[in-house]
Amino acid sequence: MALIEREAEELSLSMQAELLSLSRASLYYRPVPPTAEEIAVKHRIDEIYTAWPFYGSRKITEQLRREDFVINRKTVQRHMREMGIAGITPGPNLSRRAQGHRLFPYLLRDLVIERPNQVWGVDITYIRLLGGWLYLVAIIDWFSRYILSWELDETLEMPFVMEAVERALSEKAPEIWNSDQGSHFTSPQYIDRLQQAGVQISMDGKGRALDNILTERFWRTLKYEEVYLHDYANPRQARSGLGSYFDFYNYRRVHQSLDYRTPAEVYFQTASARQKRTTVIESTLTTKGEESTLNKTLYLS
């Protein structure tokens, strides 16, 4: 579409469309903005889901009806699909995996997460605007709660996810990268990039409420502390507001679970201290001539 020259005299619009394999109708299509009713319903679904992520389409429909929304379950299901959310309670045939998708086992069960860059998590959530909505992807270091990268987009297309992935990997790479089994995270483009970085890929089990609980808690914090307190008028305001909040969250917001330190303090100081300790131990081993892999493993553990 970007190659179309509407003022060109040499080639008609019909000929340009044919040369570019475009439908002529697409040249005149103008997207229809969502109605005020759809926006209000989606915003309320987001609030209900954030408060009670175990609610599926049935309970969300009933809750909306209690609040005098005239809506049926099929409409709620369609909105939830478009928003990229689903109740975390188990449903039928959850062990049946999608054909053609590359899936990986969940690697975090019984794993003690004890250092930065051991486990990163990625997820997507819905961000409301006054006249619409956006989608936010964020990558989080699970040990420190540090937000490594994030990106916003108006659609659930793949590029904004890959931008966040590339930005995170430009600095470090984790040992394990965890996600759900959504289409973005089972795509060849995404999986190939992580495998190139040499990380182990972990995926939540379908219908398992606790597999991605840390990221779900972060979404809840973000929405209650930032999104629901501000009515973003447009994507520019949303990007500015979220950028300010992420800076606050990483560098100034203390966490009780982190002994009242900030995520940045835990992520950078611990990583720095571990690297310094590793360097000293390796130097000592080299001086003593104890170069065996076994000895290094014992000392570094």
Foldseek 3Di string as FASTA:
>chain_A
DVPDDPPDPVDHSVRVCVVVVHDSVVVVDDDDFDDQLLQVLLVVLQVVCLVPLQDFLVVSVVVVVVVVDPDDSVVSVVSCVQFVGGHLADDPPLVDDDPPFDADAADPVVNDDDAWLAEKEKDKGWFHASRGTKIKIWIAGLVLRATQFMFIDRGPDQPRVVVRVVSSVVVPHHQEYEYERDPNCRDPVNVVVNVVSVHHYHYDRGSDPPSCVSVSVVVSCCCVVFRVVDRHNDPVSVVVRVVVVSCCQQQPQFDVVVVRHGSVCRHPVRVVVLVVLLVVVVVVCVVVVNPDPVVSVVSSD
